[in-house]
PDB file of N, CA and C in Angstrom:
ATOM      1  N   UNK A   1    -170.577-177.605-109.445  1.00  0.00           N
ATOM      2  CA  UNK A   1    -171.949-177.328-110.118  1.00  0.00           C
ATOM      3  C   UNK A   1    -173.578-177.225-109.542  1.00  0.00           C
ATOM      4  N   UNK A   2    -173.640-178.251-108.717  1.00  0.00           N
ATOM      5  CA  UNK A   2    -175.005-178.455-107.764  1.00  0.00           C
ATOM      6  C   UNK A   2    -175.373-177.258-106.880  1.00  0.00           C
ATOM      7  N   UNK A   3    -174.168-177.202-106.121  1.00  0.00           N
ATOM      8  CA  UNK A   3    -174.096-176.446-105.147  1.00  0.00           C
ATOM      9  C   UNK A   3    -174.863-174.857-105.723  1.00  0.00           C
ATOM     10  N   UNK A   4    -174.348-174.993-107.104  1.00  0.00           N
ATOM     11  CA  UNK A   4    -174.174-172.812-107.725  1.00  0.00           C
ATOM     12  C   UNK A   4    -175.659-173.214-107.779  1.00  0.00           C
ATOM     13  N   UNK A   5    -175.996-174.053-108.290  1.00  0.00           N
ATOM     14  CA  UNK A   5    -177.661-174.403-108.774  1.00  0.00           C
ATOM     15  C   UNK A   5    -178.597-174.341-107.512  1.00  0.00           C
ATOM     16  N   UNK A   6    -178.454-175.068-106.403  1.00  0.00           N
ATOM     17  CA  UNK A   6    -178.834-175.470-105.428  1.00  0.00           C
ATOM     18  C   UNK A   6    -179.427-173.609-104.968  1.00  0.00           C
ATOM     19  N   UNK A   7    -178.242-172.804-104.922  1.00  0.00           N
ATOM     20  CA  UNK A   7    -177.311-171.654-104.340  1.00  0.00           C
ATOM     21  C   UNK A   7    -178.465-170.812-105.046  1.00  0.00           C
ATOM     22  N   UNK A   8    -178.546-170.451-105.949  1.00  0.00           N
ATOM     23  CA  UNK A   8    -179.525-169.621-107.121  1.00  0.00           C
ATOM     24  C   UNK A   8    -180.807-170.075-107.046  1.00  0.00           C
ATOM     25  N   UNK A   9    -180.821-171.400-106.668  1.00  0.00           N
ATOM     26  CA  UNK A   9    -182.472-171.610-107.079  1.00  0.00           C
ATOM     27  C   UNK A   9    -183.183-171.045-104.798  1.00  0.00           C
ATOM     28  N   UNK A  10    -182.469-170.719-104.226  1.00  0.00           N
ATOM     29  CA  UNK A  10    -182.173-170.639-102.611  1.00  0.00           C
ATOM     30  C   UNK A  10    -182.652-169.208-102.766  1.00  0.00           C
ATOM     31  N   UNK A  11    -182.415-168.729-103.797  1.00  0.00           N
ATOM     32  CA  UNK A  11    -181.725-167.021-103.493  1.00  0.00           C
ATOM     33  C   UNK A  11    -183.079-166.333-104.100  1.00  0.00           C
ATOM     34  N   UNK A  12    -183.014-167.450-105.468  1.00  0.00           N
ATOM     35  CA  UNK A  12    -184.899-166.443-106.271  1.00  0.00           C
ATOM     36  C   UNK A  12    -185.995-166.889-105.490  1.00  0.00           C
ATOM     37  N   UNK A  13    -185.688-168.175-103.683  1.00  0.00           N
ATOM     38  CA  UNK A  13    -186.926-167.894-103.870  1.00  0.00           C
ATOM     39  C   UNK A  13    -186.800-167.201-102.332  1.00  0.00           C
ATOM     40  N   UNK A  14    -185.687-167.066-102.079  1.00  0.00           N
ATOM     41  CA  UNK A  14    -186.221-166.164-100.718  1.00  0.00           C
ATOM     42  C   UNK A  14    -186.205-164.241-100.903  1.00  0.00           C
ATOM     43  N   UNK A  15    -186.190-164.190-102.470  1.00  0.00           N
ATOM     44  CA  UNK A  15    -186.177-163.306-103.059  1.00  0.00           C
ATOM     45  C   UNK A  15    -187.257-162.645-102.863  1.00  0.00           C
ATOM     46  N   UNK A  16    -188.288-163.427-103.255  1.00  0.00           N
ATOM     47  CA  UNK A  16    -189.480-163.938-103.787  1.00  0.00           C
ATOM     48  C   UNK A  16    -190.635-163.532-102.377  1.00  0.00           C
ATOM     49  N   UNK A  17    -190.336-163.806-101.733  1.00  0.00           N
ATOM     50  CA  UNK A  17    -190.841-164.041-100.086  1.00  0.00           C
ATOM     51  C   UNK A  17    -190.168-163.029 -99.583  1.00  0.00           C
ATOM     52  N   UNK A  18    -191.344-162.126 -99.781  1.00  0.00           N
ATOM     53  CA  UNK A  18    -190.782-160.482 -98.484  1.00  0.00           C
ATOM     54  C   UNK A  18    -192.276-160.715 -97.942  1.00  0.00           C
ATOM     55  N   UNK A  19    -193.323-161.672 -97.403  1.00  0.00           N
ATOM     56  CA  UNK A  19    -194.139-161.122 -96.277  1.00  0.00           C
ATOM     57  C   UNK A  19    -194.060-160.765 -95.101  1.00  0.00           C
ATOM     58  N   UNK A  20    -192.768-161.011 -94.801  1.00  0.00           N
ATOM     59  CA  UNK A  20    -192.470-160.675 -93.804  1.00  0.00           C
ATOM     60  C   UNK A  20    -191.666-159.037 -93.026  1.00  0.00           C
ATOM     61  N   UNK A  21    -191.702-158.504 -94.302  1.00  0.00           N
ATOM     62  CA  UNK A  21    -190.822-157.185 -94.418  1.00  0.00           C
ATOM     63  C   UNK A  21    -191.988-155.980 -94.132  1.00  0.00           C
ATOM     64  N   UNK A  22    -193.314-156.119 -94.499  1.00  0.00           N
ATOM     65  CA  UNK A  22    -194.028-155.560 -93.839  1.00  0.00           C
ATOM     66  C   UNK A  22    -193.974-155.190 -92.447  1.00  0.00           C
ATOM     67  N   UNK A  23    -194.289-156.784 -91.761  1.00  0.00           N
ATOM     68  CA  UNK A  23    -193.964-156.265 -90.147  1.00  0.00           C
ATOM     69  C   UNK A  23    -192.979-155.357 -89.874  1.00  0.00           C
ATOM     70  N   UNK A  24    -191.544-155.903 -90.920  1.00  0.00           N
ATOM     71  CA  UNK A  24    -190.138-155.641 -89.820  1.00  0.00           C
ATOM     72  C   UNK A  24    -190.919-154.418 -89.879  1.00  0.00           C
ATOM     73  N   UNK A  25    -190.828-153.719 -91.287  1.00  0.00           N
ATOM     74  CA  UNK A  25    -191.020-152.372 -91.456  1.00  0.00           C
ATOM     75  C   UNK A  25    -191.758-151.425 -89.912  1.00  0.00           C
ATOM     76  N   UNK A  26    -192.993-152.537 -90.217  1.00  0.00           N
ATOM     77  CA  UNK A  26    -194.206-151.841 -89.203  1.00  0.00           C
ATOM     78  C   UNK A  26    -193.937-150.998 -87.942  1.00  0.00           C
ATOM     79  N   UNK A  27    -192.743-152.493 -87.464  1.00  0.00           N
ATOM     80  CA  UNK A  27    -192.292-152.357 -86.419  1.00  0.00           C
ATOM     81  C   UNK A  27    -190.895-151.801 -85.702  1.00  0.00           C
ATOM     82  N   UNK A  28    -190.397-151.119 -87.031  1.00  0.00           N
ATOM     83  CA  UNK A  28    -189.222-150.109 -87.099  1.00  0.00           C
ATOM     84  C   UNK A  28    -189.908-148.669 -86.396  1.00  0.00           C
ATOM     85  N   UNK A  29    -190.691-148.401 -87.106  1.00  0.00           N
ATOM     86  CA  UNK A  29    -191.710-147.496 -87.088  1.00  0.00           C
ATOM     87  C   UNK A  29    -192.043-146.730 -86.339  1.00  0.00           C
ATOM     88  N   UNK A  30    -192.827-148.497 -85.402  1.00  0.00           N
ATOM     89  CA  UNK A  30    -193.048-148.526 -84.369  1.00  0.00           C
ATOM     90  C   UNK A  30    -192.034-148.095 -83.069  1.00  0.00           C
ATOM     91  N   UNK A  31    -190.773-148.226 -83.139  1.00  0.00           N
ATOM     92  CA  UNK A  31    -189.998-148.606 -82.430  1.00  0.00           C
ATOM     93  C   UNK A  31    -189.331-147.169 -82.452  1.00  0.00           C
ATOM     94  N   UNK A  32    -189.129-146.905 -83.667  1.00  0.00           N
ATOM     95  CA  UNK A  32    -189.203-144.857 -83.587  1.00  0.00           C
ATOM     96  C   UNK A  32    -190.065-144.159 -82.700  1.00  0.00           C
ATOM     97  N   UNK A  33    -190.887-144.592 -83.235  1.00  0.00           N
ATOM     98  CA  UNK A  33    -192.225-143.625 -82.817  1.00  0.00           C
ATOM     99  C   UNK A  33    -191.852-143.526 -81.126  1.00  0.00           C
ATOM    100  N   UNK A  34    -191.949-144.430 -80.835  1.00  0.00           N
ATOM    101  CA  UNK A  34    -191.267-144.849 -78.949  1.00  0.00           C
ATOM    102  C   UNK A  34    -190.336-144.097 -78.637  1.00  0.00           C
ATOM    103  N   UNK A  35    -189.462-144.208 -79.712  1.00  0.00           N
ATOM    104  CA  UNK A  35    -188.180-143.869 -78.851  1.00  0.00           C
ATOM    105  C   UNK A  35    -188.982-142.025 -78.797  1.00  0.00           C
ATOM    106  N   UNK A  36    -189.002-141.325 -79.578  1.00  0.00           N
ATOM    107  CA  UNK A  36    -188.963-139.635 -79.712  1.00  0.00           C
ATOM    108  C   UNK A  36    -189.958-139.611 -78.426  1.00  0.00           C
ATOM    109  N   UNK A  37    -190.854-141.358 -77.814  1.00  0.00           N
ATOM    110  CA  UNK A  37    -191.704-140.263 -77.507  1.00  0.00           C
ATOM    111  C   UNK A  37    -190.765-140.306 -75.454  1.00  0.00           C
ATOM    112  N   UNK A  38    -190.591-141.068 -76.282  1.00  0.00           N
ATOM    113  CA  UNK A  38    -189.741-141.711 -74.501  1.00  0.00           C
ATOM    114  C   UNK A  38    -188.849-140.223 -74.114  1.00  0.00           C
ATOM    115  N   UNK A  39    -188.143-139.865 -75.387  1.00  0.00           N
ATOM    116  CA  UNK A  39    -187.237-138.150 -75.196  1.00  0.00           C
ATOM    117  C   UNK A  39    -188.011-137.242 -75.005  1.00  0.00           C
ATOM    118  N   UNK A  40    -189.097-136.732 -75.551  1.00  0.00           N
ATOM    119  CA  UNK A  40    -190.085-136.349 -75.592  1.00  0.00           C
ATOM    120  C   UNK A  40    -190.830-135.528 -74.360  1.00  0.00           C
ATOM    121  N   UNK A  41    -191.166-137.024 -73.381  1.00  0.00           N
ATOM    122  CA  UNK A  41    -191.757-136.969 -72.067  1.00  0.00           C
ATOM    123  C   UNK A  41    -190.916-136.699 -71.003  1.00  0.00           C
ATOM    124  N   UNK A  42    -189.323-137.590 -71.349  1.00  0.00           N
ATOM    125  CA  UNK A  42    -188.248-137.756 -70.468  1.00  0.00           C
ATOM    126  C   UNK A  42    -187.905-135.765 -69.898  1.00  0.00           C
ATOM    127  N   UNK A  43    -187.756-134.774 -71.921  1.00  0.00           N
ATOM    128  CA  UNK A  43    -187.412-133.317 -71.161  1.00  0.00           C
ATOM    129  C   UNK A  43    -188.913-132.271 -70.863  1.00  0.00           C
ATOM    130  N   UNK A  44    -189.640-133.352 -71.330  1.00  0.00           N
ATOM    131  CA  UNK A  44    -191.156-132.930 -70.430  1.00  0.00           C
ATOM    132  C   UNK A  44    -191.320-133.005 -69.449  1.00  0.00           C
ATOM    133  N   UNK A  45    -190.394-133.666 -68.222  1.00  0.00           N
ATOM    134  CA  UNK A  45    -191.269-134.150 -67.206  1.00  0.00           C
ATOM    135  C   UNK A  45    -190.205-133.576 -66.191  1.00  0.00           C
ATOM    136  N   UNK A  46    -188.529-132.719 -66.363  1.00  0.00           N
ATOM    137  CA  UNK A  46    -187.785-131.655 -66.062  1.00  0.00           C
ATOM    138  C   UNK A  46    -188.124-130.535 -66.451  1.00  0.00           C
ATOM    139  N   UNK A  47    -188.575-130.077 -67.270  1.00  0.00           N
ATOM    140  CA  UNK A  47    -189.823-128.560 -67.326  1.00  0.00           C
ATOM    141  C   UNK A  47    -190.570-128.693 -66.275  1.00  0.00           C
ATOM    142  N   UNK A  48    -191.351-129.591 -66.123  1.00  0.00           N
ATOM    143  CA  UNK A  48    -192.867-130.020 -64.695  1.00  0.00           C
ATOM    144  C   UNK A  48    -191.710-129.468 -63.846  1.00  0.00           C
ATOM    145  N   UNK A  49    -190.952-130.142 -63.458  1.00  0.00           N
ATOM    146  CA  UNK A  49    -189.930-130.325 -62.276  1.00  0.00           C
ATOM    147  C   UNK A  49    -189.859-129.165 -61.609  1.00  0.00           C
ATOM    148  N   UNK A  50    -189.068-128.545 -63.040  1.00  0.00           N
ATOM    149  CA  UNK A  50    -188.452-127.081 -63.027  1.00  0.00           C
ATOM    150  C   UNK A  50    -189.924-125.313 -62.110  1.00  0.00           C
ATOM    151  N   UNK A  51    -190.881-126.558 -62.840  1.00  0.00           N
ATOM    152  CA  UNK A  51    -192.213-125.702 -62.586  1.00  0.00           C
ATOM    153  C   UNK A  51    -192.592-126.290 -61.020  1.00  0.00           C
ATOM    154  N   UNK A  52    -192.457-127.184 -60.831  1.00  0.00           N
ATOM    155  CA  UNK A  52    -193.018-127.176 -59.651  1.00  0.00           C
ATOM    156  C   UNK A  52    -192.680-126.707 -58.512  1.00  0.00           C
ATOM    157  N   UNK A  53    -190.744-126.810 -58.650  1.00  0.00           N
ATOM    158  CA  UNK A  53    -189.889-126.330 -57.285  1.00  0.00           C
ATOM    159  C   UNK A  53    -190.524-125.076 -57.455  1.00  0.00           C
ATOM    160  N   UNK A  54    -190.181-123.734 -58.593  1.00  0.00           N
ATOM    161  CA  UNK A  54    -190.822-123.129 -58.455  1.00  0.00           C
ATOM    162  C   UNK A  54    -191.952-122.385 -57.225  1.00  0.00           C
ATOM    163  N   UNK A  55    -192.784-122.364 -57.939  1.00  0.00           N
ATOM    164  CA  UNK A  55    -194.189-122.816 -57.211  1.00  0.00           C
ATOM    165  C   UNK A  55    -193.943-123.544 -55.337  1.00  0.00           C
ATOM    166  N   UNK A  56    -193.075-124.289 -55.608  1.00  0.00           N
ATOM    167  CA  UNK A  56    -193.253-124.162 -53.711  1.00  0.00           C
ATOM    168  C   UNK A  56    -192.052-123.427 -53.273  1.00  0.00           C
ATOM    169  N   UNK A  57    -191.222-123.203 -53.954  1.00  0.00           N
ATOM    170  CA  UNK A  57    -190.236-121.961 -53.034  1.00  0.00           C
ATOM    171  C   UNK A  57    -191.490-120.580 -53.494  1.00  0.00           C
ATOM    172  N   UNK A  58    -191.929-120.750 -53.617  1.00  0.00           N
ATOM    173  CA  UNK A  58    -193.169-119.101 -53.770  1.00  0.00           C
ATOM    174  C   UNK A  58    -193.919-119.532 -52.935  1.00  0.00           C
ATOM    175  N   UNK A  59    -194.613-120.632 -52.627  1.00  0.00           N
ATOM    176  CA  UNK A  59    -195.533-120.551 -51.708  1.00  0.00           C
ATOM    177  C   UNK A  59    -195.004-121.015 -50.477  1.00  0.00           C
ATOM    178  N   UNK A  60    -194.079-121.477 -50.445  1.00  0.00           N
ATOM    179  CA  UNK A  60    -192.994-121.363 -49.147  1.00  0.00           C
ATOM    180  C   UNK A  60    -192.713-120.418 -48.399  1.00  0.00           C
ATOM    181  N   UNK A  61    -192.741-119.383 -48.958  1.00  0.00           N
ATOM    182  CA  UNK A  61    -192.512-118.107 -49.015  1.00  0.00           C
ATOM    183  C   UNK A  61    -193.826-117.430 -47.724  1.00  0.00           C
ATOM    184  N   UNK A  62    -195.180-118.096 -48.388  1.00  0.00           N
ATOM    185  CA  UNK A  62    -196.305-117.493 -47.226  1.00  0.00           C
ATOM    186  C   UNK A  62    -196.627-118.260 -46.174  1.00  0.00           C
ATOM    187  N   UNK A  63    -196.148-119.571 -46.520  1.00  0.00           N
ATOM    188  CA  UNK A  63    -196.981-119.908 -45.297  1.00  0.00           C
ATOM    189  C   UNK A  63    -195.855-120.935 -44.083  1.00  0.00           C
ATOM    190  N   UNK A  64    -194.171-120.415 -44.261  1.00  0.00           N
ATOM    191  CA  UNK A  64    -193.086-120.169 -43.346  1.00  0.00           C
ATOM    192  C   UNK A  64    -192.985-118.943 -42.415  1.00  0.00           C
TER     193      UNK A  64
END
């Protein structure tokens, strides 16, 4: 019975302590934004690479 009371007391104390919850939520939001930005930059880099390849091909015709 003592174990059950101790467990209930520990659970109520744990339930009240939410001080770190906001920090974790903000960290998750920042991580998701960073992941989305990385994916977007990867797609953008691919498009820029294709554009410069096309420009290089066109300019190569006039230089050689």
